[in-house]
Amino acid sequence: SGPIQLWQFLLELLTDKSCQSFISWTGDGWEFKLSDPDEVARRWGKRKNKPKMNYEKLSRGLRYYYDKNIIHKTSGKRYVYRFVCDLKSLLGYTPEELHAMLDVKPDADE
């Protein structure tokens, strides 16, 4: 295991209903949105004991995943990303099942 990785941390937030005000699934597969990127960065900094963490640094961490095919950026949408790794075998749920458990409502502005 070792130290928690950013993508695991994001997944942890995304499966916690109390975090939906600042990070949430869009309702489209494994796509998610950082509605408050600063809050997400703050919590990541807290977890990693890096008080100077900000979204700029966090997004650099996210870009590192593009080549590794863990997370991709959704083009044309700000702060919207998608897990492209096999989350279903990791979590044991389809996106639909997970969304149902978390009461995810698909984004109205789609």
PDB file of N, CA and C in Angstrom:
ATOM      1  N   SER A   1       0.844  -1.205   0.000  1.00  0.00           N
ATOM      2  CA  SER A   1       0.000   0.000   0.000  1.00  0.00           C
ATOM      3  C   SER A   1       0.878   1.252   0.000  1.00  0.00           C
ATOM      4  N   GLY A   2       1.473   1.614   1.127  1.00  0.00           N
ATOM      5  CA  GLY A   2       2.288   2.828   1.169  1.00  0.00           C
ATOM      6  C   GLY A   2       1.423   4.062   1.325  1.00  0.00           C
ATOM      7  N   PRO A   3       2.012   5.232   1.122  1.00  0.00           N
ATOM      8  CA  PRO A   3       1.245   6.467   1.315  1.00  0.00           C
ATOM      9  C   PRO A   3       0.098   6.566   0.304  1.00  0.00           C
ATOM     10  N   ILE A   4      -0.955   7.242   0.698  1.00  0.00           N
ATOM     11  CA  ILE A   4      -2.118   7.370  -0.190  1.00  0.00           C
ATOM     12  C   ILE A   4      -1.749   8.209  -1.407  1.00  0.00           C
ATOM     13  N   GLN A   5      -2.258   7.805  -2.551  1.00  0.00           N
ATOM     14  CA  GLN A   5      -2.014   8.551  -3.780  1.00  0.00           C
ATOM     15  C   GLN A   5      -3.185   9.477  -4.047  1.00  0.00           C
ATOM     16  N   LEU A   6      -2.911  10.507  -4.827  1.00  0.00           N
ATOM     17  CA  LEU A   6      -3.927  11.524  -5.102  1.00  0.00           C
ATOM     18  C   LEU A   6      -5.211  10.918  -5.666  1.00  0.00           C
ATOM     19  N   TRP A   7      -5.073  10.010  -6.634  1.00  0.00           N
ATOM     20  CA  TRP A   7      -6.290   9.448  -7.232  1.00  0.00           C
ATOM     21  C   TRP A   7      -7.103   8.659  -6.209  1.00  0.00           C
ATOM     22  N   GLN A   8      -6.416   7.995  -5.272  1.00  0.00           N
ATOM     23  CA  GLN A   8      -7.130   7.240  -4.234  1.00  0.00           C
ATOM     24  C   GLN A   8      -7.842   8.200  -3.287  1.00  0.00           C
ATOM     25  N   PHE A   9      -7.169   9.305  -3.001  1.00  0.00           N
ATOM     26  CA  PHE A   9      -7.745  10.324  -2.129  1.00  0.00           C
ATOM     27  C   PHE A   9      -9.004  10.921  -2.756  1.00  0.00           C
ATOM     28  N   LEU A  10      -8.935  11.225  -4.045  1.00  0.00           N
ATOM     29  CA  LEU A  10     -10.102  11.776  -4.747  1.00  0.00           C
ATOM     30  C   LEU A  10     -11.256  10.783  -4.711  1.00  0.00           C
ATOM     31  N   LEU A  11     -10.938   9.523  -4.896  1.00  0.00           N
ATOM     32  CA  LEU A  11     -11.954   8.470  -4.860  1.00  0.00           C
ATOM     33  C   LEU A  11     -12.597   8.384  -3.478  1.00  0.00           C
ATOM     34  N   GLU A  12     -11.762   8.556  -2.470  1.00  0.00           N
ATOM     35  CA  GLU A  12     -12.248   8.544  -1.087  1.00  0.00           C
ATOM     36  C   GLU A  12     -13.258   9.686  -0.882  1.00  0.00           C
ATOM     37  N   LEU A  13     -12.916  10.875  -1.357  1.00  0.00           N
ATOM     38  CA  LEU A  13     -13.827  12.020  -1.239  1.00  0.00           C
ATOM     39  C   LEU A  13     -15.099  11.775  -2.040  1.00  0.00           C
ATOM     40  N   LEU A  14     -14.939  11.193  -3.229  1.00  0.00           N
ATOM     41  CA  LEU A  14     -16.077  10.979  -4.124  1.00  0.00           C
ATOM     42  C   LEU A  14     -17.057   9.932  -3.610  1.00  0.00           C
ATOM     43  N   THR A  15     -16.605   9.083  -2.698  1.00  0.00           N
ATOM     44  CA  THR A  15     -17.512   8.068  -2.153  1.00  0.00           C
ATOM     45  C   THR A  15     -18.020   8.474  -0.771  1.00  0.00           C
ATOM     46  N   ASP A  16     -17.743   9.707  -0.384  1.00  0.00           N
ATOM     47  CA  ASP A  16     -18.192  10.234   0.903  1.00  0.00           C
ATOM     48  C   ASP A  16     -19.234  11.327   0.652  1.00  0.00           C
ATOM     49  N   LYS A  17     -20.479  11.025   1.036  1.00  0.00           N
ATOM     50  CA  LYS A  17     -21.567  11.975   0.773  1.00  0.00           C
ATOM     51  C   LYS A  17     -21.317  13.363   1.350  1.00  0.00           C
ATOM     52  N   SER A  18     -20.595  13.420   2.467  1.00  0.00           N
ATOM     53  CA  SER A  18     -20.391  14.714   3.116  1.00  0.00           C
ATOM     54  C   SER A  18     -19.433  15.614   2.327  1.00  0.00           C
ATOM     55  N   CYS A  19     -18.841  15.079   1.267  1.00  0.00           N
ATOM     56  CA  CYS A  19     -17.890  15.863   0.462  1.00  0.00           C
ATOM     57  C   CYS A  19     -18.502  16.374  -0.840  1.00  0.00           C
ATOM     58  N   GLN A  20     -19.783  16.064  -1.057  1.00  0.00           N
ATOM     59  CA  GLN A  20     -20.395  16.367  -2.353  1.00  0.00           C
ATOM     60  C   GLN A  20     -20.498  17.855  -2.678  1.00  0.00           C
ATOM     61  N   SER A  21     -20.336  18.705  -1.673  1.00  0.00           N
ATOM     62  CA  SER A  21     -20.420  20.139  -1.965  1.00  0.00           C
ATOM     63  C   SER A  21     -19.174  20.645  -2.692  1.00  0.00           C
ATOM     64  N   PHE A  22     -18.061  19.918  -2.592  1.00  0.00           N
ATOM     65  CA  PHE A  22     -16.846  20.410  -3.265  1.00  0.00           C
ATOM     66  C   PHE A  22     -16.250  19.452  -4.297  1.00  0.00           C
ATOM     67  N   ILE A  23     -16.662  18.184  -4.271  1.00  0.00           N
ATOM     68  CA  ILE A  23     -16.251  17.250  -5.331  1.00  0.00           C
ATOM     69  C   ILE A  23     -17.361  16.230  -5.502  1.00  0.00           C
ATOM     70  N   SER A  24     -17.752  15.962  -6.743  1.00  0.00           N
ATOM     71  CA  SER A  24     -18.860  15.031  -6.947  1.00  0.00           C
ATOM     72  C   SER A  24     -18.814  14.396  -8.330  1.00  0.00           C
ATOM     73  N   TRP A  25     -19.499  13.274  -8.441  1.00  0.00           N
ATOM     74  CA  TRP A  25     -19.664  12.619  -9.736  1.00  0.00           C
ATOM     75  C   TRP A  25     -20.604  13.465 -10.582  1.00  0.00           C
ATOM     76  N   THR A  26     -20.392  13.513 -11.887  1.00  0.00           N
ATOM     77  CA  THR A  26     -21.306  14.275 -12.747  1.00  0.00           C
ATOM     78  C   THR A  26     -22.522  13.434 -13.115  1.00  0.00           C
ATOM     79  N   GLY A  27     -22.446  12.117 -12.890  1.00  0.00           N
ATOM     80  CA  GLY A  27     -23.545  11.236 -13.278  1.00  0.00           C
ATOM     81  C   GLY A  27     -23.285  10.590 -14.629  1.00  0.00           C
ATOM     82  N   ASP A  28     -22.161  10.954 -15.254  1.00  0.00           N
ATOM     83  CA  ASP A  28     -21.783  10.385 -16.547  1.00  0.00           C
ATOM     84  C   ASP A  28     -20.594   9.445 -16.349  1.00  0.00           C
ATOM     85  N   GLY A  29     -20.892   8.173 -16.133  1.00  0.00           N
ATOM     86  CA  GLY A  29     -19.824   7.199 -15.917  1.00  0.00           C
ATOM     87  C   GLY A  29     -18.936   7.579 -14.746  1.00  0.00           C
ATOM     88  N   TRP A  30     -17.636   7.486 -14.950  1.00  0.00           N
ATOM     89  CA  TRP A  30     -16.684   7.790 -13.871  1.00  0.00           C
ATOM     90  C   TRP A  30     -16.212   9.241 -13.919  1.00  0.00           C
ATOM     91  N   GLU A  31     -16.986  10.104 -14.552  1.00  0.00           N
ATOM     92  CA  GLU A  31     -16.608  11.516 -14.635  1.00  0.00           C
ATOM     93  C   GLU A  31     -16.940  12.227 -13.327  1.00  0.00           C
ATOM     94  N   PHE A  32     -16.046  13.113 -12.914  1.00  0.00           N
ATOM     95  CA  PHE A  32     -16.277  13.860 -11.676  1.00  0.00           C
ATOM     96  C   PHE A  32     -15.839  15.301 -11.830  1.00  0.00           C
ATOM     97  N   LYS A  33     -16.350  16.135 -10.945  1.00  0.00           N
ATOM     98  CA  LYS A  33     -16.080  17.568 -11.022  1.00  0.00           C
ATOM     99  C   LYS A  33     -15.616  18.095  -9.675  1.00  0.00           C
ATOM    100  N   LEU A  34     -14.581  18.932  -9.723  1.00  0.00           N
ATOM    101  CA  LEU A  34     -14.137  19.630  -8.519  1.00  0.00           C
ATOM    102  C   LEU A  34     -14.900  20.948  -8.481  1.00  0.00           C
ATOM    103  N   SER A  35     -16.017  20.986  -7.763  1.00  0.00           N
ATOM    104  CA  SER A  35     -16.795  22.224  -7.733  1.00  0.00           C
ATOM    105  C   SER A  35     -16.126  23.269  -6.858  1.00  0.00           C
ATOM    106  N   ASP A  36     -15.268  22.822  -5.928  1.00  0.00           N
ATOM    107  CA  ASP A  36     -14.456  23.752  -5.136  1.00  0.00           C
ATOM    108  C   ASP A  36     -13.025  23.210  -5.097  1.00  0.00           C
ATOM    109  N   PRO A  37     -12.272  23.469  -6.188  1.00  0.00           N
ATOM    110  CA  PRO A  37     -10.927  22.905  -6.293  1.00  0.00           C
ATOM    111  C   PRO A  37     -10.015  23.308  -5.138  1.00  0.00           C
ATOM    112  N   ASP A  38     -10.216  24.507  -4.598  1.00  0.00           N
ATOM    113  CA  ASP A  38      -9.367  24.967  -3.495  1.00  0.00           C
ATOM    114  C   ASP A  38      -9.585  24.138  -2.235  1.00  0.00           C
ATOM    115  N   GLU A  39     -10.841  23.770  -2.002  1.00  0.00           N
ATOM    116  CA  GLU A  39     -11.158  22.944  -0.828  1.00  0.00           C
ATOM    117  C   GLU A  39     -10.566  21.539  -0.983  1.00  0.00           C
ATOM    118  N   VAL A  40     -10.677  20.994  -2.189  1.00  0.00           N
ATOM    119  CA  VAL A  40     -10.091  19.677  -2.454  1.00  0.00           C
ATOM    120  C   VAL A  40      -8.580  19.731  -2.223  1.00  0.00           C
ATOM    121  N   ALA A  41      -7.944  20.777  -2.738  1.00  0.00           N
ATOM    122  CA  ALA A  41      -6.492  20.939  -2.583  1.00  0.00           C
ATOM    123  C   ALA A  41      -6.118  21.112  -1.108  1.00  0.00           C
ATOM    124  N   ARG A  42      -6.939  21.872  -0.383  1.00  0.00           N
ATOM    125  CA  ARG A  42      -6.669  22.106   1.035  1.00  0.00           C
ATOM    126  C   ARG A  42      -6.681  20.778   1.807  1.00  0.00           C
ATOM    127  N   ARG A  43      -7.689  19.965   1.524  1.00  0.00           N
ATOM    128  CA  ARG A  43      -7.804  18.673   2.217  1.00  0.00           C
ATOM    129  C   ARG A  43      -6.682  17.710   1.833  1.00  0.00           C
ATOM    130  N   TRP A  44      -6.286  17.760   0.578  1.00  0.00           N
ATOM    131  CA  TRP A  44      -5.173  16.923   0.129  1.00  0.00           C
ATOM    132  C   TRP A  44      -3.884  17.367   0.833  1.00  0.00           C
ATOM    133  N   GLY A  45      -3.692  18.677   0.938  1.00  0.00           N
ATOM    134  CA  GLY A  45      -2.525  19.212   1.634  1.00  0.00           C
ATOM    135  C   GLY A  45      -2.505  18.798   3.092  1.00  0.00           C
ATOM    136  N   LYS A  46      -3.687  18.819   3.698  1.00  0.00           N
ATOM    137  CA  LYS A  46      -3.816  18.426   5.100  1.00  0.00           C
ATOM    138  C   LYS A  46      -3.440  16.952   5.267  1.00  0.00           C
ATOM    139  N   ARG A  47      -3.957  16.128   4.374  1.00  0.00           N
ATOM    140  CA  ARG A  47      -3.694  14.690   4.429  1.00  0.00           C
ATOM    141  C   ARG A  47      -2.204  14.390   4.260  1.00  0.00           C
ATOM    142  N   LYS A  48      -1.566  15.135   3.346  1.00  0.00           N
ATOM    143  CA  LYS A  48      -0.159  14.891   3.046  1.00  0.00           C
ATOM    144  C   LYS A  48       0.783  15.744   3.899  1.00  0.00           C
ATOM    145  N   ASN A  49       0.185  16.515   4.815  1.00  0.00           N
ATOM    146  CA  ASN A  49       0.975  17.394   5.669  1.00  0.00           C
ATOM    147  C   ASN A  49       1.770  18.420   4.850  1.00  0.00           C
ATOM    148  N   LYS A  50       1.092  18.971   3.828  1.00  0.00           N
ATOM    149  CA  LYS A  50       1.708  20.001   2.990  1.00  0.00           C
ATOM    150  C   LYS A  50       0.793  21.225   2.983  1.00  0.00           C
ATOM    151  N   PRO A  51       0.956  22.100   3.972  1.00  0.00           N
ATOM    152  CA  PRO A  51       0.038  23.239   4.112  1.00  0.00           C
ATOM    153  C   PRO A  51       0.030  24.189   2.910  1.00  0.00           C
ATOM    154  N   LYS A  52       1.066  24.141   2.074  1.00  0.00           N
ATOM    155  CA  LYS A  52       1.105  25.060   0.926  1.00  0.00           C
ATOM    156  C   LYS A  52       0.437  24.489  -0.324  1.00  0.00           C
ATOM    157  N   MET A  53      -0.202  23.351  -0.172  1.00  0.00           N
ATOM    158  CA  MET A  53      -0.867  22.727  -1.316  1.00  0.00           C
ATOM    159  C   MET A  53      -1.939  23.656  -1.872  1.00  0.00           C
ATOM    160  N   ASN A  54      -2.006  23.758  -3.203  1.00  0.00           N
ATOM    161  CA  ASN A  54      -3.078  24.525  -3.843  1.00  0.00           C
ATOM    162  C   ASN A  54      -3.534  23.774  -5.101  1.00  0.00           C
ATOM    163  N   TYR A  55      -4.550  24.316  -5.776  1.00  0.00           N
ATOM    164  CA  TYR A  55      -5.094  23.598  -6.931  1.00  0.00           C
ATOM    165  C   TYR A  55      -4.076  23.479  -8.059  1.00  0.00           C
ATOM    166  N   GLU A  56      -3.238  24.504  -8.198  1.00  0.00           N
ATOM    167  CA  GLU A  56      -2.224  24.469  -9.255  1.00  0.00           C
ATOM    168  C   GLU A  56      -1.313  23.248  -9.089  1.00  0.00           C
ATOM    169  N   LYS A  57      -0.892  23.022  -7.853  1.00  0.00           N
ATOM    170  CA  LYS A  57      -0.024  21.868  -7.574  1.00  0.00           C
ATOM    171  C   LYS A  57      -0.801  20.562  -7.701  1.00  0.00           C
ATOM    172  N   LEU A  58      -2.038  20.575  -7.211  1.00  0.00           N
ATOM    173  CA  LEU A  58      -2.856  19.371  -7.289  1.00  0.00           C
ATOM    174  C   LEU A  58      -3.112  18.985  -8.749  1.00  0.00           C
ATOM    175  N   SER A  59      -3.380  19.975  -9.594  1.00  0.00           N
ATOM    176  CA  SER A  59      -3.674  19.674 -10.999  1.00  0.00           C
ATOM    177  C   SER A  59      -2.429  19.154 -11.719  1.00  0.00           C
ATOM    178  N   ARG A  60      -1.260  19.561 -11.242  1.00  0.00           N
ATOM    179  CA  ARG A  60      -0.019  19.008 -11.794  1.00  0.00           C
ATOM    180  C   ARG A  60       0.032  17.507 -11.485  1.00  0.00           C
ATOM    181  N   GLY A  61      -0.386  17.171 -10.276  1.00  0.00           N
ATOM    182  CA  GLY A  61      -0.461  15.765  -9.887  1.00  0.00           C
ATOM    183  C   GLY A  61      -1.449  14.997 -10.746  1.00  0.00           C
ATOM    184  N   LEU A  62      -2.560  15.650 -11.085  1.00  0.00           N
ATOM    185  CA  LEU A  62      -3.565  15.004 -11.932  1.00  0.00           C
ATOM    186  C   LEU A  62      -3.028  14.787 -13.345  1.00  0.00           C
ATOM    187  N   ARG A  63      -2.304  15.782 -13.872  1.00  0.00           N
ATOM    188  CA  ARG A  63      -1.763  15.665 -15.233  1.00  0.00           C
ATOM    189  C   ARG A  63      -0.809  14.479 -15.356  1.00  0.00           C
ATOM    190  N   TYR A  64      -0.129  14.184 -14.271  1.00  0.00           N
ATOM    191  CA  TYR A  64       0.793  13.059 -14.226  1.00  0.00           C
ATOM    192  C   TYR A  64       0.056  11.741 -14.508  1.00  0.00           C
ATOM    193  N   TYR A  65      -1.230  11.701 -14.203  1.00  0.00           N
ATOM    194  CA  TYR A  65      -2.024  10.484 -14.417  1.00  0.00           C
ATOM    195  C   TYR A  65      -2.495  10.307 -15.856  1.00  0.00           C
ATOM    196  N   TYR A  66      -2.467  11.382 -16.659  1.00  0.00           N
ATOM    197  CA  TYR A  66      -2.993  11.283 -18.026  1.00  0.00           C
ATOM    198  C   TYR A  66      -2.275  10.186 -18.811  1.00  0.00           C
ATOM    199  N   ASP A  67      -0.931  10.227 -18.775  1.00  0.00           N
ATOM    200  CA  ASP A  67      -0.142   9.240 -19.517  1.00  0.00           C
ATOM    201  C   ASP A  67      -0.281   7.843 -18.938  1.00  0.00           C
ATOM    202  N   LYS A  68      -0.556   7.785 -17.656  1.00  0.00           N
ATOM    203  CA  LYS A  68      -0.672   6.492 -16.987  1.00  0.00           C
ATOM    204  C   LYS A  68      -2.066   5.885 -17.161  1.00  0.00           C
ATOM    205  N   ASN A  69      -2.948   6.638 -17.833  1.00  0.00           N
ATOM    206  CA  ASN A  69      -4.324   6.186 -18.041  1.00  0.00           C
ATOM    207  C   ASN A  69      -5.030   5.821 -16.743  1.00  0.00           C
ATOM    208  N   ILE A  70      -4.933   6.731 -15.792  1.00  0.00           N
ATOM    209  CA  ILE A  70      -5.677   6.595 -14.542  1.00  0.00           C
ATOM    210  C   ILE A  70      -6.813   7.609 -14.552  1.00  0.00           C
ATOM    211  N   ILE A  71      -6.461   8.852 -14.870  1.00  0.00           N
ATOM    212  CA  ILE A  71      -7.444   9.942 -14.946  1.00  0.00           C
ATOM    213  C   ILE A  71      -7.179  10.738 -16.215  1.00  0.00           C
ATOM    214  N   HIS A  72      -8.235  11.129 -16.896  1.00  0.00           N
ATOM    215  CA  HIS A  72      -8.121  12.038 -18.033  1.00  0.00           C
ATOM    216  C   HIS A  72      -8.929  13.292 -17.750  1.00  0.00           C
ATOM    217  N   LYS A  73      -8.550  14.378 -18.390  1.00  0.00           N
ATOM    218  CA  LYS A  73      -9.290  15.637 -18.287  1.00  0.00           C
ATOM    219  C   LYS A  73     -10.434  15.567 -19.282  1.00  0.00           C
ATOM    220  N   THR A  74     -11.612  16.056 -18.891  1.00  0.00           N
ATOM    221  CA  THR A  74     -12.713  16.183 -19.842  1.00  0.00           C
ATOM    222  C   THR A  74     -12.526  17.508 -20.568  1.00  0.00           C
ATOM    223  N   SER A  75     -12.296  17.455 -21.867  1.00  0.00           N
ATOM    224  CA  SER A  75     -11.966  18.684 -22.584  1.00  0.00           C
ATOM    225  C   SER A  75     -13.167  19.616 -22.662  1.00  0.00           C
ATOM    226  N   GLY A  76     -12.881  20.895 -22.588  1.00  0.00           N
ATOM    227  CA  GLY A  76     -13.922  21.907 -22.700  1.00  0.00           C
ATOM    228  C   GLY A  76     -14.708  22.144 -21.426  1.00  0.00           C
ATOM    229  N   LYS A  77     -14.372  21.425 -20.356  1.00  0.00           N
ATOM    230  CA  LYS A  77     -15.079  21.643 -19.088  1.00  0.00           C
ATOM    231  C   LYS A  77     -14.065  21.890 -17.989  1.00  0.00           C
ATOM    232  N   ARG A  78     -14.259  22.970 -17.274  1.00  0.00           N
ATOM    233  CA  ARG A  78     -13.328  23.321 -16.209  1.00  0.00           C
ATOM    234  C   ARG A  78     -13.500  22.431 -14.996  1.00  0.00           C
ATOM    235  N   TYR A  79     -12.385  21.979 -14.463  1.00  0.00           N
ATOM    236  CA  TYR A  79     -12.372  21.177 -13.230  1.00  0.00           C
ATOM    237  C   TYR A  79     -13.105  19.848 -13.364  1.00  0.00           C
ATOM    238  N   VAL A  80     -13.272  19.378 -14.596  1.00  0.00           N
ATOM    239  CA  VAL A  80     -13.962  18.102 -14.802  1.00  0.00           C
ATOM    240  C   VAL A  80     -12.970  17.056 -15.316  1.00  0.00           C
ATOM    241  N   TYR A  81     -12.968  15.915 -14.657  1.00  0.00           N
ATOM    242  CA  TYR A  81     -12.034  14.833 -14.968  1.00  0.00           C
ATOM    243  C   TYR A  81     -12.795  13.515 -15.016  1.00  0.00           C
ATOM    244  N   ARG A  82     -12.111  12.487 -15.483  1.00  0.00           N
ATOM    245  CA  ARG A  82     -12.740  11.171 -15.564  1.00  0.00           C
ATOM    246  C   ARG A  82     -11.717  10.089 -15.228  1.00  0.00           C
ATOM    247  N   PHE A  83     -12.139   9.164 -14.378  1.00  0.00           N
ATOM    248  CA  PHE A  83     -11.299   7.991 -14.129  1.00  0.00           C
ATOM    249  C   PHE A  83     -11.386   7.090 -15.355  1.00  0.00           C
ATOM    250  N   VAL A  84     -10.240   6.744 -15.922  1.00  0.00           N
ATOM    251  CA  VAL A  84     -10.241   5.860 -17.090  1.00  0.00           C
ATOM    252  C   VAL A  84      -9.641   4.494 -16.749  1.00  0.00           C
ATOM    253  N   CYS A  85      -9.206   4.323 -15.495  1.00  0.00           N
ATOM    254  CA  CYS A  85      -8.704   3.014 -15.070  1.00  0.00           C
ATOM    255  C   CYS A  85      -9.906   2.122 -14.731  1.00  0.00           C
ATOM    256  N   ASP A  86      -9.647   0.872 -14.431  1.00  0.00           N
ATOM    257  CA  ASP A  86     -10.737  -0.071 -14.182  1.00  0.00           C
ATOM    258  C   ASP A  86     -11.255   0.035 -12.748  1.00  0.00           C
ATOM    259  N   LEU A  87     -12.041   1.057 -12.504  1.00  0.00           N
ATOM    260  CA  LEU A  87     -12.572   1.266 -11.156  1.00  0.00           C
ATOM    261  C   LEU A  87     -13.570   0.190 -10.768  1.00  0.00           C
ATOM    262  N   LYS A  88     -14.250  -0.359 -11.770  1.00  0.00           N
ATOM    263  CA  LYS A  88     -15.274  -1.356 -11.464  1.00  0.00           C
ATOM    264  C   LYS A  88     -14.671  -2.546 -10.721  1.00  0.00           C
ATOM    265  N   SER A  89     -13.514  -3.029 -11.175  1.00  0.00           N
ATOM    266  CA  SER A  89     -12.923  -4.164 -10.459  1.00  0.00           C
ATOM    267  C   SER A  89     -12.303  -3.720  -9.139  1.00  0.00           C
ATOM    268  N   LEU A  90     -11.898  -2.463  -9.073  1.00  0.00           N
ATOM    269  CA  LEU A  90     -11.323  -1.944  -7.836  1.00  0.00           C
ATOM    270  C   LEU A  90     -12.395  -1.774  -6.754  1.00  0.00           C
ATOM    271  N   LEU A  91     -13.525  -1.187  -7.148  1.00  0.00           N
ATOM    272  CA  LEU A  91     -14.592  -0.879  -6.189  1.00  0.00           C
ATOM    273  C   LEU A  91     -15.641  -1.981  -6.087  1.00  0.00           C
ATOM    274  N   GLY A  92     -15.773  -2.764  -7.155  1.00  0.00           N
ATOM    275  CA  GLY A  92     -16.797  -3.796  -7.174  1.00  0.00           C
ATOM    276  C   GLY A  92     -18.173  -3.274  -7.550  1.00  0.00           C
ATOM    277  N   TYR A  93     -18.208  -2.060  -8.108  1.00  0.00           N
ATOM    278  CA  TYR A  93     -19.485  -1.461  -8.522  1.00  0.00           C
ATOM    279  C   TYR A  93     -19.348  -0.871  -9.912  1.00  0.00           C
ATOM    280  N   THR A  94     -20.465  -0.806 -10.616  1.00  0.00           N
ATOM    281  CA  THR A  94     -20.504  -0.021 -11.847  1.00  0.00           C
ATOM    282  C   THR A  94     -20.723   1.428 -11.417  1.00  0.00           C
ATOM    283  N   PRO A  95     -20.449   2.387 -12.324  1.00  0.00           N
ATOM    284  CA  PRO A  95     -20.717   3.787 -11.959  1.00  0.00           C
ATOM    285  C   PRO A  95     -22.175   3.983 -11.546  1.00  0.00           C
ATOM    286  N   GLU A  96     -23.082   3.330 -12.274  1.00  0.00           N
ATOM    287  CA  GLU A  96     -24.512   3.481 -11.990  1.00  0.00           C
ATOM    288  C   GLU A  96     -24.852   3.023 -10.574  1.00  0.00           C
ATOM    289  N   GLU A  97     -24.280   1.887 -10.173  1.00  0.00           N
ATOM    290  CA  GLU A  97     -24.539   1.363  -8.826  1.00  0.00           C
ATOM    291  C   GLU A  97     -24.005   2.320  -7.763  1.00  0.00           C
ATOM    292  N   LEU A  98     -22.808   2.827  -8.013  1.00  0.00           N
ATOM    293  CA  LEU A  98     -22.204   3.755  -7.060  1.00  0.00           C
ATOM    294  C   LEU A  98     -23.007   5.055  -6.977  1.00  0.00           C
ATOM    295  N   HIS A  99     -23.409   5.571  -8.146  1.00  0.00           N
ATOM    296  CA  HIS A  99     -24.206   6.802  -8.176  1.00  0.00           C
ATOM    297  C   HIS A  99     -25.505   6.623  -7.396  1.00  0.00           C
ATOM    298  N   ALA A 100     -26.128   5.460  -7.556  1.00  0.00           N
ATOM    299  CA  ALA A 100     -27.384   5.186  -6.857  1.00  0.00           C
ATOM    300  C   ALA A 100     -27.170   5.201  -5.344  1.00  0.00           C
ATOM    301  N   MET A 101     -26.075   4.608  -4.898  1.00  0.00           N
ATOM    302  CA  MET A 101     -25.793   4.569  -3.457  1.00  0.00           C
ATOM    303  C   MET A 101     -25.526   5.955  -2.891  1.00  0.00           C
ATOM    304  N   LEU A 102     -24.974   6.828  -3.732  1.00  0.00           N
ATOM    305  CA  LEU A 102     -24.611   8.171  -3.264  1.00  0.00           C
ATOM    306  C   LEU A 102     -25.671   9.212  -3.622  1.00  0.00           C
ATOM    307  N   ASP A 103     -26.801   8.752  -4.182  1.00  0.00           N
ATOM    308  CA  ASP A 103     -27.865   9.672  -4.624  1.00  0.00           C
ATOM    309  C   ASP A 103     -27.361  10.709  -5.614  1.00  0.00           C
ATOM    310  N   VAL A 104     -26.516  10.287  -6.535  1.00  0.00           N
ATOM    311  CA  VAL A 104     -25.989  11.224  -7.527  1.00  0.00           C
ATOM    312  C   VAL A 104     -27.074  11.558  -8.537  1.00  0.00           C
ATOM    313  N   LYS A 105     -27.286  12.844  -8.741  1.00  0.00           N
ATOM    314  CA  LYS A 105     -28.207  13.293  -9.780  1.00  0.00           C
ATOM    315  C   LYS A 105     -27.355  13.791 -10.946  1.00  0.00           C
ATOM    316  N   PRO A 106     -27.617  13.295 -12.145  1.00  0.00           N
ATOM    317  CA  PRO A 106     -26.826  13.776 -13.287  1.00  0.00           C
ATOM    318  C   PRO A 106     -26.890  15.297 -13.396  1.00  0.00           C
ATOM    319  N   ASP A 107     -25.786  15.894 -13.802  1.00  0.00           N
ATOM    320  CA  ASP A 107     -25.726  17.354 -13.937  1.00  0.00           C
ATOM    321  C   ASP A 107     -26.859  17.862 -14.818  1.00  0.00           C
ATOM    322  N   ALA A 108     -27.560  18.869 -14.315  1.00  0.00           N
ATOM    323  CA  ALA A 108     -28.708  19.408 -15.041  1.00  0.00           C
ATOM    324  C   ALA A 108     -28.281  20.173 -16.289  1.00  0.00           C
ATOM    325  N   ASP A 109     -27.071  20.733 -16.256  1.00  0.00           N
ATOM    326  CA  ASP A 109     -26.659  21.590 -17.370  1.00  0.00           C
ATOM    327  C   ASP A 109     -26.073  20.810 -18.546  1.00  0.00           C
ATOM    328  N   GLU A 110     -26.275  19.508 -18.553  1.00  0.00           N
ATOM    329  CA  GLU A 110     -25.730  18.719 -19.671  1.00  0.00           C
ATOM    330  C   GLU A 110     -26.642  18.803 -20.874  1.00  0.00           C
TER     331      GLU A 110
END
